[in-house]
Amino acid sequence: MSESQADISIIVPCYNAERYLSVCLESLKAQKEPEIQMILIDDGSTDATGRLLDEFARTEPRARIVHVQNGGVSAARNRGLALATGRYIAFVDADDALEENSLRTLHQQAKETGAQIVSANHTLFDMEKGQRVPVHLPPVAQESAGIVREIIHMHRIYNNIWNKLYARELLDGLRLDENVRIGEDALLNMQLFLRAKKVTHLAAYTYVYRVHGQSAMAGVRSHSEAHQPMLRGMNRILLEQGVKERYFRDFLQSCVWIDEKERGILACMKTFDARVRPLVMDGVREEHIPPQDQRLYRLVRRGGFPAFYMLMRVKEKLTGKKWGIRR
C-alpha cells in the first residue's frame, strides 16, 4: 500500500513513553481494516521511546517514524498533520490504546452517514488500580452548534481529539495552538465542529484512555491558571467566528466554573469583576445577545452578577434545582 491510498492517517505524538508505548503500538498493529498510515512522532524523547519506535517500524510497513526536537504535544501533532495523506485523520496518544476494530467501526460510520466528524465513547483505565470505567455520552446534542456549546462546558467526550475520526479536508488551514498546554484539543474541536456540516456519534467504545501519574493534568498546581490560555483561545475563536453572543451564557459559566472550582464560590465572586468579567465581556455586542440572555448580560455589565450568583447558589441548595447558567 502506498501512503496516498490510506483511508486513515493515525497521528501519535510520543514523548518519553517507553513505559506505556508497547500497548499502544500493539493496538495499532491489530487494526487490520481499513488501510491506515501510522505517523509516529518521537518528540525529542530522552528514554528508549525512539528506539522502540524504530524497532516497531521494521516489522510494521504502515508505520512512519519521525524524530524531532522536543516541541510539545501540539507541535508533534501538527507535524503529523503536515505529513498525513489519509482521507480521514485519527489521533492516538502514546500512553493510550485503541480497542479492537475501532478504526473500522469509525470508518464505516463515516462512510455510511457522510459525517465529517465521527465521535465515540471511550473507557478510562486506571493503571494503578487496574480498573476500567466506561465513559458514555448522553444524548445532549445532535448538531454542531449544540456540540460547540458542550465543548465550552468542557464535555468529557467532545473536548478530546483522540476518540474521533475527522475528514482530512476539514482540517485545511487549521492546526493545534502550540502555546496552549491544557485544552488545546478542545480549541481545535471548537473550530472543527463550527466548520462541520454533518457529525455523528457512536455508542461504541473505541478508545482506552489510560490514567497514570504522568498524565497531562498531573502536577498542575493551579487549575484556574492552567486553563486561562484555553479560555483566551475560546474567546478568540468565538469572536473570530462571530458567535460569542450566541454562547455568552455558556462561556460565562465556563469561566466562572474554572475559577470557582479552585478558589471557591466566595473568592471567585469577590474578584469576579477584576478577574473573570473582562474576558467574558471582551468584544461582546449587546445588540446580538439572544433575548433569553439579555438580563444576564446586563447583570454582568453593570456589576450585579456576583450578588445574583451567590443568591442563585443559595437557592440551588434549598431547592436542589440548578438554574440556567449551571450545568
C-alpha atoms as a PDB file:
ATOM      1  CA  MET A   1       0.000   0.000   0.000  1.00  0.00           C
ATOM      2  CA  SER A   2       1.289   3.474  -0.829  1.00  0.00           C
ATOM      3  CA  GLU A   3       0.662   6.251   1.655  1.00  0.00           C
ATOM      4  CA  SER A   4      -1.524   8.121  -0.851  1.00  0.00           C
ATOM      5  CA  GLN A   5      -4.043   5.252  -0.719  1.00  0.00           C
ATOM      6  CA  ALA A   6      -4.552   5.328   3.036  1.00  0.00           C
ATOM      7  CA  ASP A   7      -8.105   5.604   4.315  1.00  0.00           C
ATOM      8  CA  ILE A   8      -6.964   6.883   7.714  1.00  0.00           C
ATOM      9  CA  SER A   9      -3.800   8.614   8.889  1.00  0.00           C
ATOM     10  CA  ILE A  10      -3.186   7.958  12.590  1.00  0.00           C
ATOM     11  CA  ILE A  11      -1.050  10.568  14.318  1.00  0.00           C
ATOM     12  CA  VAL A  12       0.716   9.514  17.527  1.00  0.00           C
ATOM     13  CA  PRO A  13       2.887  12.030  19.442  1.00  0.00           C
ATOM     14  CA  CYS A  14       5.422  10.204  21.618  1.00  0.00           C
ATOM     15  CA  TYR A  15       7.479  11.741  24.399  1.00  0.00           C
ATOM     16  CA  ASN A  16       9.327   9.598  26.965  1.00  0.00           C
ATOM     17  CA  ALA A  17       6.606   6.978  26.636  1.00  0.00           C
ATOM     18  CA  GLU A  18       8.667   3.796  26.905  1.00  0.00           C
ATOM     19  CA  ARG A  19       6.654   2.556  29.937  1.00  0.00           C
ATOM     20  CA  TYR A  20       3.362   2.673  28.022  1.00  0.00           C
ATOM     21  CA  LEU A  21       4.281   2.545  24.347  1.00  0.00           C
ATOM     22  CA  SER A  22       4.177  -1.204  23.707  1.00  0.00           C
ATOM     23  CA  VAL A  23       0.451  -1.451  24.498  1.00  0.00           C
ATOM     24  CA  CYS A  24      -0.296   1.455  22.188  1.00  0.00           C
ATOM     25  CA  LEU A  25       1.758   0.043  19.333  1.00  0.00           C
ATOM     26  CA  GLU A  26       0.210  -3.408  19.633  1.00  0.00           C
ATOM     27  CA  SER A  27      -3.268  -1.870  19.491  1.00  0.00           C
ATOM     28  CA  LEU A  28      -2.296  -0.014  16.312  1.00  0.00           C
ATOM     29  CA  LYS A  29      -0.845  -3.112  14.731  1.00  0.00           C
ATOM     30  CA  ALA A  30      -4.060  -5.023  15.474  1.00  0.00           C
ATOM     31  CA  GLN A  31      -6.108  -2.608  13.322  1.00  0.00           C
ATOM     32  CA  LYS A  32      -6.406  -4.590  10.093  1.00  0.00           C
ATOM     33  CA  GLU A  33      -9.080  -2.527   8.351  1.00  0.00           C
ATOM     34  CA  PRO A  34      -9.282  -0.041   6.735  1.00  0.00           C
ATOM     35  CA  GLU A  35      -5.980   0.900   5.096  1.00  0.00           C
ATOM     36  CA  ILE A  36      -4.043   3.029   7.557  1.00  0.00           C
ATOM     37  CA  GLN A  37      -0.966   5.217   7.640  1.00  0.00           C
ATOM     38  CA  MET A  38       0.694   5.414  11.057  1.00  0.00           C
ATOM     39  CA  ILE A  39       2.642   8.616  11.708  1.00  0.00           C
ATOM     40  CA  LEU A  40       4.552   8.313  14.974  1.00  0.00           C
ATOM     41  CA  ILE A  41       6.377  11.436  16.105  1.00  0.00           C
ATOM     42  CA  ASP A  42       9.253  10.973  18.552  1.00  0.00           C
ATOM     43  CA  ASP A  43       9.124  14.384  20.225  1.00  0.00           C
ATOM     44  CA  GLY A  44      12.726  14.563  21.417  1.00  0.00           C
ATOM     45  CA  SER A  45      12.409  11.675  23.867  1.00  0.00           C
ATOM     46  CA  THR A  46      15.349  11.058  26.214  1.00  0.00           C
ATOM     47  CA  ASP A  47      14.373   7.489  27.113  1.00  0.00           C
ATOM     48  CA  ALA A  48      14.036   4.427  24.866  1.00  0.00           C
ATOM     49  CA  THR A  49      10.964   5.714  23.021  1.00  0.00           C
ATOM     50  CA  GLY A  50      12.831   6.469  19.797  1.00  0.00           C
ATOM     51  CA  ARG A  51      14.459   3.038  19.721  1.00  0.00           C
ATOM     52  CA  LEU A  52      11.151   1.268  20.369  1.00  0.00           C
ATOM     53  CA  LEU A  53       9.520   3.178  17.528  1.00  0.00           C
ATOM     54  CA  ASP A  54      12.317   2.322  15.100  1.00  0.00           C
ATOM     55  CA  GLU A  55      12.070  -1.352  16.061  1.00  0.00           C
ATOM     56  CA  PHE A  56       8.311  -1.255  15.541  1.00  0.00           C
ATOM     57  CA  ALA A  57       8.688   0.209  12.049  1.00  0.00           C
ATOM     58  CA  ARG A  58      10.999  -2.621  10.994  1.00  0.00           C
ATOM     59  CA  THR A  59       8.124  -5.084  11.216  1.00  0.00           C
ATOM     60  CA  GLU A  60       5.220  -2.725  10.508  1.00  0.00           C
ATOM     61  CA  PRO A  61       5.298  -1.338   6.951  1.00  0.00           C
ATOM     62  CA  ARG A  62       2.371   1.004   7.636  1.00  0.00           C
ATOM     63  CA  ALA A  63       4.415   2.949  10.205  1.00  0.00           C
ATOM     64  CA  ARG A  64       6.405   6.105   9.524  1.00  0.00           C
ATOM     65  CA  ILE A  65       8.681   7.311  12.325  1.00  0.00           C
ATOM     66  CA  VAL A  66       9.725  10.946  12.581  1.00  0.00           C
ATOM     67  CA  HIS A  67      12.304  12.079  15.161  1.00  0.00           C
ATOM     68  CA  VAL A  68      12.134  15.779  16.058  1.00  0.00           C
ATOM     69  CA  GLN A  69      13.445  18.073  18.770  1.00  0.00           C
ATOM     70  CA  ASN A  70      11.098  18.406  21.713  1.00  0.00           C
ATOM     71  CA  GLY A  71       8.402  20.942  20.915  1.00  0.00           C
ATOM     72  CA  GLY A  72       5.405  19.685  22.862  1.00  0.00           C
ATOM     73  CA  VAL A  73       2.419  17.533  22.008  1.00  0.00           C
ATOM     74  CA  SER A  74       0.685  20.122  19.829  1.00  0.00           C
ATOM     75  CA  ALA A  75       3.790  20.728  17.720  1.00  0.00           C
ATOM     76  CA  ALA A  76       4.194  16.968  17.307  1.00  0.00           C
ATOM     77  CA  ARG A  77       0.572  16.554  16.232  1.00  0.00           C
ATOM     78  CA  ASN A  78       0.911  19.459  13.817  1.00  0.00           C
ATOM     79  CA  ARG A  79       3.993  17.819  12.309  1.00  0.00           C
ATOM     80  CA  GLY A  80       1.941  14.672  11.855  1.00  0.00           C
ATOM     81  CA  LEU A  81      -0.874  16.614  10.176  1.00  0.00           C
ATOM     82  CA  ALA A  82       1.613  18.056   7.689  1.00  0.00           C
ATOM     83  CA  LEU A  83       2.604  14.511   6.706  1.00  0.00           C
ATOM     84  CA  ALA A  84      -0.848  12.931   6.704  1.00  0.00           C
ATOM     85  CA  THR A  85      -2.245  11.728   3.375  1.00  0.00           C
ATOM     86  CA  GLY A  86      -5.238   9.692   4.534  1.00  0.00           C
ATOM     87  CA  ARG A  87      -8.820  10.576   3.681  1.00  0.00           C
ATOM     88  CA  TYR A  88      -9.511  10.739   7.417  1.00  0.00           C
ATOM     89  CA  ILE A  89      -7.410  11.700  10.438  1.00  0.00           C
ATOM     90  CA  ALA A  90      -7.310   9.969  13.833  1.00  0.00           C
ATOM     91  CA  PHE A  91      -5.243  10.903  16.876  1.00  0.00           C
ATOM     92  CA  VAL A  92      -3.893   8.459  19.460  1.00  0.00           C
ATOM     93  CA  ASP A  93      -1.753   9.260  22.495  1.00  0.00           C
ATOM     94  CA  ALA A  94       1.289   7.082  23.120  1.00  0.00           C
ATOM     95  CA  ASP A  95       0.134   6.064  26.605  1.00  0.00           C
ATOM     96  CA  ASP A  96      -3.357   5.056  25.427  1.00  0.00           C
ATOM     97  CA  ALA A  97      -4.698   2.298  23.185  1.00  0.00           C
ATOM     98  CA  LEU A  98      -7.333   1.552  20.569  1.00  0.00           C
ATOM     99  CA  GLU A  99      -9.981  -1.085  21.109  1.00  0.00           C
ATOM    100  CA  GLU A 100     -10.092  -3.962  18.639  1.00  0.00           C
ATOM    101  CA  ASN A 101     -11.547  -2.951  15.246  1.00  0.00           C
ATOM    102  CA  SER A 102     -12.139   0.608  16.438  1.00  0.00           C
ATOM    103  CA  LEU A 103     -10.877   2.236  13.235  1.00  0.00           C
ATOM    104  CA  ARG A 104     -13.063   0.002  11.095  1.00  0.00           C
ATOM    105  CA  THR A 105     -16.078   0.913  13.241  1.00  0.00           C
ATOM    106  CA  LEU A 106     -15.423   4.657  12.959  1.00  0.00           C
ATOM    107  CA  HIS A 107     -14.626   4.461   9.253  1.00  0.00           C
ATOM    108  CA  GLN A 108     -17.784   2.520   8.411  1.00  0.00           C
ATOM    109  CA  GLN A 109     -19.879   5.080  10.272  1.00  0.00           C
ATOM    110  CA  ALA A 110     -18.234   7.936   8.379  1.00  0.00           C
ATOM    111  CA  LYS A 111     -18.850   6.278   5.000  1.00  0.00           C
ATOM    112  CA  GLU A 112     -22.444   5.276   5.771  1.00  0.00           C
ATOM    113  CA  THR A 113     -23.512   8.665   7.129  1.00  0.00           C
ATOM    114  CA  GLY A 114     -21.260  11.067   5.235  1.00  0.00           C
ATOM    115  CA  ALA A 115     -20.267  12.622   8.562  1.00  0.00           C
ATOM    116  CA  GLN A 116     -17.161  14.788   8.587  1.00  0.00           C
ATOM    117  CA  ILE A 117     -16.620  14.039  12.281  1.00  0.00           C
ATOM    118  CA  VAL A 118     -17.412  10.725  13.953  1.00  0.00           C
ATOM    119  CA  SER A 119     -17.086  10.628  17.732  1.00  0.00           C
ATOM    120  CA  ALA A 120     -17.398   7.610  20.014  1.00  0.00           C
ATOM    121  CA  ASN A 121     -17.338   6.612  23.652  1.00  0.00           C
ATOM    122  CA  HIS A 122     -14.200   5.582  25.493  1.00  0.00           C
ATOM    123  CA  THR A 123     -13.015   3.705  28.546  1.00  0.00           C
ATOM    124  CA  LEU A 124     -10.937   5.087  31.378  1.00  0.00           C
ATOM    125  CA  PHE A 125      -8.344   2.609  32.588  1.00  0.00           C
ATOM    126  CA  ASP A 126      -6.756   3.362  35.956  1.00  0.00           C
ATOM    127  CA  MET A 127      -3.346   1.751  35.617  1.00  0.00           C
ATOM    128  CA  GLU A 128      -2.613   1.796  39.359  1.00  0.00           C
ATOM    129  CA  LYS A 129      -5.928   0.234  40.383  1.00  0.00           C
ATOM    130  CA  GLY A 130      -6.364  -1.908  37.274  1.00  0.00           C
ATOM    131  CA  GLN A 131      -9.944  -0.624  36.876  1.00  0.00           C
ATOM    132  CA  ARG A 132     -11.846   0.062  33.659  1.00  0.00           C
ATOM    133  CA  VAL A 133     -14.605   2.683  33.760  1.00  0.00           C
ATOM    134  CA  PRO A 134     -16.761   3.217  30.645  1.00  0.00           C
ATOM    135  CA  VAL A 135     -17.427   6.847  29.680  1.00  0.00           C
ATOM    136  CA  HIS A 136     -20.560   7.143  27.567  1.00  0.00           C
ATOM    137  CA  LEU A 137     -22.256  10.119  26.011  1.00  0.00           C
ATOM    138  CA  PRO A 138     -25.797  11.050  26.995  1.00  0.00           C
ATOM    139  CA  PRO A 139     -27.800  12.396  24.033  1.00  0.00           C
ATOM    140  CA  VAL A 140     -27.159  16.081  24.799  1.00  0.00           C
ATOM    141  CA  ALA A 141     -26.552  17.383  21.276  1.00  0.00           C
ATOM    142  CA  GLN A 142     -27.215  16.167  17.769  1.00  0.00           C
ATOM    143  CA  GLU A 143     -25.806  19.026  15.691  1.00  0.00           C
ATOM    144  CA  SER A 144     -22.572  21.000  15.506  1.00  0.00           C
ATOM    145  CA  ALA A 145     -23.908  24.147  17.214  1.00  0.00           C
ATOM    146  CA  GLY A 146     -25.012  22.171  20.255  1.00  0.00           C
ATOM    147  CA  ILE A 147     -21.728  20.295  20.379  1.00  0.00           C
ATOM    148  CA  VAL A 148     -19.768  23.572  20.397  1.00  0.00           C
ATOM    149  CA  ARG A 149     -21.817  24.512  23.472  1.00  0.00           C
ATOM    150  CA  GLU A 150     -20.792  21.230  25.121  1.00  0.00           C
ATOM    151  CA  ILE A 151     -17.134  21.877  24.289  1.00  0.00           C
ATOM    152  CA  ILE A 152     -17.332  25.259  26.009  1.00  0.00           C
ATOM    153  CA  HIS A 153     -18.681  23.374  29.021  1.00  0.00           C
ATOM    154  CA  MET A 154     -15.673  21.014  28.773  1.00  0.00           C
ATOM    155  CA  HIS A 155     -17.544  17.867  27.867  1.00  0.00           C
ATOM    156  CA  ARG A 156     -15.665  14.675  28.705  1.00  0.00           C
ATOM    157  CA  ILE A 157     -16.025  13.271  25.189  1.00  0.00           C
ATOM    158  CA  TYR A 158     -16.422  16.161  22.761  1.00  0.00           C
ATOM    159  CA  ASN A 159     -13.382  18.069  24.059  1.00  0.00           C
ATOM    160  CA  ASN A 160     -10.896  15.324  23.248  1.00  0.00           C
ATOM    161  CA  ILE A 161      -9.429  14.676  19.810  1.00  0.00           C
ATOM    162  CA  TRP A 162      -8.393  11.085  20.459  1.00  0.00           C
ATOM    163  CA  ASN A 163     -11.812   9.415  20.268  1.00  0.00           C
ATOM    164  CA  LYS A 164     -12.820  10.776  16.900  1.00  0.00           C
ATOM    165  CA  LEU A 165     -12.367  10.437  13.165  1.00  0.00           C
ATOM    166  CA  TYR A 166     -12.074  13.620  11.095  1.00  0.00           C
ATOM    167  CA  ALA A 167     -12.383  14.163   7.363  1.00  0.00           C
ATOM    168  CA  ARG A 168      -8.958  15.488   6.400  1.00  0.00           C
ATOM    169  CA  GLU A 169     -10.306  18.393   4.330  1.00  0.00           C
ATOM    170  CA  LEU A 170     -11.989  19.720   7.484  1.00  0.00           C
ATOM    171  CA  LEU A 171      -8.507  20.430   8.893  1.00  0.00           C
ATOM    172  CA  ASP A 172      -7.356  22.519   5.919  1.00  0.00           C
ATOM    173  CA  GLY A 173      -5.779  25.668   7.317  1.00  0.00           C
ATOM    174  CA  LEU A 174      -6.283  24.595  10.939  1.00  0.00           C
ATOM    175  CA  ARG A 175      -3.661  23.435  13.397  1.00  0.00           C
ATOM    176  CA  LEU A 176      -3.398  22.992  17.165  1.00  0.00           C
ATOM    177  CA  ASP A 177      -2.327  26.040  19.159  1.00  0.00           C
ATOM    178  CA  GLU A 178       1.222  25.216  20.253  1.00  0.00           C
ATOM    179  CA  ASN A 179       1.109  27.852  23.005  1.00  0.00           C
ATOM    180  CA  VAL A 180      -1.756  26.146  24.876  1.00  0.00           C
ATOM    181  CA  ARG A 181      -0.824  23.201  27.118  1.00  0.00           C
ATOM    182  CA  ILE A 182      -4.198  22.350  28.700  1.00  0.00           C
ATOM    183  CA  GLY A 183      -7.279  22.230  26.476  1.00  0.00           C
ATOM    184  CA  GLU A 184      -5.534  22.640  23.125  1.00  0.00           C
ATOM    185  CA  ASP A 185      -7.604  19.787  21.692  1.00  0.00           C
ATOM    186  CA  ALA A 186     -10.833  21.484  22.820  1.00  0.00           C
ATOM    187  CA  LEU A 187      -9.848  24.603  20.881  1.00  0.00           C
ATOM    188  CA  LEU A 188      -9.229  22.614  17.720  1.00  0.00           C
ATOM    189  CA  ASN A 189     -12.508  20.762  18.148  1.00  0.00           C
ATOM    190  CA  MET A 190     -14.403  24.039  18.547  1.00  0.00           C
ATOM    191  CA  GLN A 191     -13.141  25.170  15.169  1.00  0.00           C
ATOM    192  CA  LEU A 192     -13.762  21.815  13.517  1.00  0.00           C
ATOM    193  CA  PHE A 193     -17.328  21.476  14.793  1.00  0.00           C
ATOM    194  CA  LEU A 194     -18.065  25.073  13.772  1.00  0.00           C
ATOM    195  CA  ARG A 195     -16.934  24.092  10.259  1.00  0.00           C
ATOM    196  CA  ALA A 196     -18.560  20.654  10.017  1.00  0.00           C
ATOM    197  CA  LYS A 197     -21.824  20.297   8.123  1.00  0.00           C
ATOM    198  CA  LYS A 198     -22.564  16.776   9.346  1.00  0.00           C
ATOM    199  CA  VAL A 199     -21.410  14.992  12.509  1.00  0.00           C
ATOM    200  CA  THR A 200     -22.397  11.783  14.245  1.00  0.00           C
ATOM    201  CA  HIS A 201     -21.728   9.940  17.483  1.00  0.00           C
ATOM    202  CA  LEU A 202     -21.335   6.201  18.030  1.00  0.00           C
ATOM    203  CA  ALA A 203     -22.344   4.404  21.212  1.00  0.00           C
ATOM    204  CA  ALA A 204     -19.419   2.008  20.664  1.00  0.00           C
ATOM    205  CA  TYR A 205     -16.320   2.145  22.889  1.00  0.00           C
ATOM    206  CA  THR A 206     -13.371   2.657  20.574  1.00  0.00           C
ATOM    207  CA  TYR A 207     -10.601   4.077  22.776  1.00  0.00           C
ATOM    208  CA  VAL A 208      -8.868   3.325  26.074  1.00  0.00           C
ATOM    209  CA  TYR A 209      -7.653   6.386  27.980  1.00  0.00           C
ATOM    210  CA  ARG A 210      -5.027   5.142  30.412  1.00  0.00           C
ATOM    211  CA  VAL A 211      -4.772   7.216  33.604  1.00  0.00           C
ATOM    212  CA  HIS A 212      -1.401   7.376  35.366  1.00  0.00           C
ATOM    213  CA  GLY A 213       0.786   9.742  37.362  1.00  0.00           C
ATOM    214  CA  GLN A 214       2.325  11.337  34.280  1.00  0.00           C
ATOM    215  CA  SER A 215      -0.979  12.300  32.617  1.00  0.00           C
ATOM    216  CA  ALA A 216      -1.332  15.873  31.283  1.00  0.00           C
ATOM    217  CA  MET A 217      -3.006  17.331  34.384  1.00  0.00           C
ATOM    218  CA  ALA A 218      -0.724  15.569  36.849  1.00  0.00           C
ATOM    219  CA  GLY A 219       1.425  18.064  38.714  1.00  0.00           C
ATOM    220  CA  VAL A 220      -0.652  21.091  37.720  1.00  0.00           C
ATOM    221  CA  ARG A 221      -0.666  23.323  40.798  1.00  0.00           C
ATOM    222  CA  SER A 222      -3.278  25.879  39.794  1.00  0.00           C
ATOM    223  CA  HIS A 223      -6.319  24.528  37.964  1.00  0.00           C
ATOM    224  CA  SER A 224      -7.559  28.036  37.198  1.00  0.00           C
ATOM    225  CA  GLU A 225      -4.283  29.465  35.916  1.00  0.00           C
ATOM    226  CA  ALA A 226      -3.566  26.354  33.840  1.00  0.00           C
ATOM    227  CA  HIS A 227      -6.871  26.798  31.978  1.00  0.00           C
ATOM    228  CA  GLN A 228      -6.587  30.526  31.263  1.00  0.00           C
ATOM    229  CA  PRO A 229      -4.782  30.090  27.897  1.00  0.00           C
ATOM    230  CA  MET A 230      -7.575  27.730  26.813  1.00  0.00           C
ATOM    231  CA  LEU A 231     -10.259  30.229  27.847  1.00  0.00           C
ATOM    232  CA  ARG A 232      -8.467  33.008  25.978  1.00  0.00           C
ATOM    233  CA  GLY A 233      -8.289  30.718  22.963  1.00  0.00           C
ATOM    234  CA  MET A 234     -12.024  30.000  23.199  1.00  0.00           C
ATOM    235  CA  ASN A 235     -12.692  33.728  23.386  1.00  0.00           C
ATOM    236  CA  ARG A 236     -10.597  34.369  20.287  1.00  0.00           C
ATOM    237  CA  ILE A 237     -12.351  31.645  18.279  1.00  0.00           C
ATOM    238  CA  LEU A 238     -15.838  32.757  19.297  1.00  0.00           C
ATOM    239  CA  LEU A 239     -15.027  36.333  18.311  1.00  0.00           C
ATOM    240  CA  GLU A 240     -13.405  35.344  15.017  1.00  0.00           C
ATOM    241  CA  GLN A 241     -16.433  33.245  14.102  1.00  0.00           C
ATOM    242  CA  GLY A 242     -18.865  35.971  15.166  1.00  0.00           C
ATOM    243  CA  VAL A 243     -20.720  33.701  17.593  1.00  0.00           C
ATOM    244  CA  LYS A 244     -19.627  34.877  21.031  1.00  0.00           C
ATOM    245  CA  GLU A 245     -23.028  36.380  21.804  1.00  0.00           C
ATOM    246  CA  ARG A 246     -24.754  33.112  20.927  1.00  0.00           C
ATOM    247  CA  TYR A 247     -22.608  31.334  23.507  1.00  0.00           C
ATOM    248  CA  PHE A 248     -22.417  34.200  26.037  1.00  0.00           C
ATOM    249  CA  ARG A 249     -24.140  32.290  28.854  1.00  0.00           C
ATOM    250  CA  ASP A 250     -22.065  29.165  28.238  1.00  0.00           C
ATOM    251  CA  PHE A 251     -18.736  30.989  28.119  1.00  0.00           C
ATOM    252  CA  LEU A 252     -19.619  32.905  31.286  1.00  0.00           C
ATOM    253  CA  GLN A 253     -20.428  29.647  33.060  1.00  0.00           C
ATOM    254  CA  SER A 254     -17.196  28.015  31.971  1.00  0.00           C
ATOM    255  CA  CYS A 255     -15.044  30.945  33.091  1.00  0.00           C
ATOM    256  CA  VAL A 256     -16.814  31.047  36.453  1.00  0.00           C
ATOM    257  CA  TRP A 257     -16.698  27.288  36.973  1.00  0.00           C
ATOM    258  CA  ILE A 258     -12.960  27.030  36.318  1.00  0.00           C
ATOM    259  CA  ASP A 259     -12.180  29.798  38.798  1.00  0.00           C
ATOM    260  CA  GLU A 260     -14.728  28.607  41.374  1.00  0.00           C
ATOM    261  CA  LYS A 261     -13.516  25.008  41.258  1.00  0.00           C
ATOM    262  CA  GLU A 262     -10.128  26.008  42.632  1.00  0.00           C
ATOM    263  CA  ARG A 263     -10.840  29.098  44.703  1.00  0.00           C
ATOM    264  CA  GLY A 264     -14.374  28.506  45.965  1.00  0.00           C
ATOM    265  CA  ILE A 265     -17.581  30.490  45.447  1.00  0.00           C
ATOM    266  CA  LEU A 266     -16.811  33.402  47.771  1.00  0.00           C
ATOM    267  CA  ALA A 267     -13.299  34.063  46.467  1.00  0.00           C
ATOM    268  CA  CYS A 268     -14.442  33.680  42.860  1.00  0.00           C
ATOM    269  CA  MET A 269     -17.282  36.170  43.230  1.00  0.00           C
ATOM    270  CA  LYS A 270     -15.198  38.606  45.280  1.00  0.00           C
ATOM    271  CA  THR A 271     -12.752  39.003  42.402  1.00  0.00           C
ATOM    272  CA  PHE A 272     -15.198  38.310  39.545  1.00  0.00           C
ATOM    273  CA  ASP A 273     -15.292  41.862  38.167  1.00  0.00           C
ATOM    274  CA  ALA A 274     -11.499  42.117  38.067  1.00  0.00           C
ATOM    275  CA  ARG A 275     -10.584  38.512  37.243  1.00  0.00           C
ATOM    276  CA  VAL A 276     -13.360  36.956  35.130  1.00  0.00           C
ATOM    277  CA  ARG A 277     -15.575  39.732  33.775  1.00  0.00           C
ATOM    278  CA  PRO A 278     -13.012  41.314  31.352  1.00  0.00           C
ATOM    279  CA  LEU A 279     -12.642  38.125  29.326  1.00  0.00           C
ATOM    280  CA  VAL A 280     -16.377  37.344  29.385  1.00  0.00           C
ATOM    281  CA  MET A 281     -17.308  40.827  28.135  1.00  0.00           C
ATOM    282  CA  ASP A 282     -14.463  41.170  25.618  1.00  0.00           C
ATOM    283  CA  GLY A 283     -15.848  42.034  22.184  1.00  0.00           C
ATOM    284  CA  VAL A 284     -19.474  41.316  23.072  1.00  0.00           C
ATOM    285  CA  ARG A 285     -22.077  43.308  21.124  1.00  0.00           C
ATOM    286  CA  GLU A 286     -25.190  43.879  23.228  1.00  0.00           C
ATOM    287  CA  GLU A 287     -27.496  44.008  20.217  1.00  0.00           C
ATOM    288  CA  HIS A 288     -26.522  40.445  19.288  1.00  0.00           C
ATOM    289  CA  ILE A 289     -27.152  38.896  22.718  1.00  0.00           C
ATOM    290  CA  PRO A 290     -30.094  36.424  22.482  1.00  0.00           C
ATOM    291  CA  PRO A 291     -33.283  37.696  24.178  1.00  0.00           C
ATOM    292  CA  GLN A 292     -33.164  34.965  26.829  1.00  0.00           C
ATOM    293  CA  ASP A 293     -29.691  36.117  27.905  1.00  0.00           C
ATOM    294  CA  GLN A 294     -30.282  39.888  27.925  1.00  0.00           C
ATOM    295  CA  ARG A 295     -30.926  40.057  31.682  1.00  0.00           C
ATOM    296  CA  LEU A 296     -27.842  38.005  32.456  1.00  0.00           C
ATOM    297  CA  TYR A 297     -25.738  40.184  30.167  1.00  0.00           C
ATOM    298  CA  ARG A 298     -26.934  43.361  31.899  1.00  0.00           C
ATOM    299  CA  LEU A 299     -26.132  41.894  35.324  1.00  0.00           C
ATOM    300  CA  VAL A 300     -22.560  41.211  34.224  1.00  0.00           C
ATOM    301  CA  ARG A 301     -22.194  44.578  32.514  1.00  0.00           C
ATOM    302  CA  ARG A 302     -23.473  46.586  35.470  1.00  0.00           C
ATOM    303  CA  GLY A 303     -21.570  44.682  38.148  1.00  0.00           C
ATOM    304  CA  GLY A 304     -24.571  42.931  39.694  1.00  0.00           C
ATOM    305  CA  PHE A 305     -23.637  39.402  38.711  1.00  0.00           C
ATOM    306  CA  PRO A 306     -21.679  38.355  41.862  1.00  0.00           C
ATOM    307  CA  ALA A 307     -24.580  39.133  44.219  1.00  0.00           C
ATOM    308  CA  PHE A 308     -27.054  37.486  41.858  1.00  0.00           C
ATOM    309  CA  TYR A 309     -24.860  34.412  41.501  1.00  0.00           C
ATOM    310  CA  MET A 310     -24.475  34.000  45.252  1.00  0.00           C
ATOM    311  CA  LEU A 311     -28.254  34.259  45.662  1.00  0.00           C
ATOM    312  CA  MET A 312     -28.842  31.621  42.997  1.00  0.00           C
ATOM    313  CA  ARG A 313     -26.330  29.261  44.603  1.00  0.00           C
ATOM    314  CA  VAL A 314     -28.197  29.531  47.906  1.00  0.00           C
ATOM    315  CA  LYS A 315     -31.439  28.863  46.050  1.00  0.00           C
ATOM    316  CA  GLU A 316     -29.864  25.780  44.441  1.00  0.00           C
ATOM    317  CA  LYS A 317     -29.006  24.321  47.833  1.00  0.00           C
ATOM    318  CA  LEU A 318     -32.503  24.967  49.152  1.00  0.00           C
ATOM    319  CA  THR A 319     -34.388  23.604  46.157  1.00  0.00           C
ATOM    320  CA  GLY A 320     -31.923  21.080  44.708  1.00  0.00           C
ATOM    321  CA  LYS A 321     -32.510  22.556  41.237  1.00  0.00           C
ATOM    322  CA  LYS A 322     -29.815  24.171  39.122  1.00  0.00           C
ATOM    323  CA  TRP A 323     -30.593  27.473  37.484  1.00  0.00           C
ATOM    324  CA  GLY A 324     -29.963  28.418  33.867  1.00  0.00           C
ATOM    325  CA  ILE A 325     -26.254  29.139  33.895  1.00  0.00           C
ATOM    326  CA  ARG A 326     -25.429  25.977  35.825  1.00  0.00           C
ATOM    327  CA  ARG A 327     -24.794  22.616  34.174  1.00  0.00           C
END
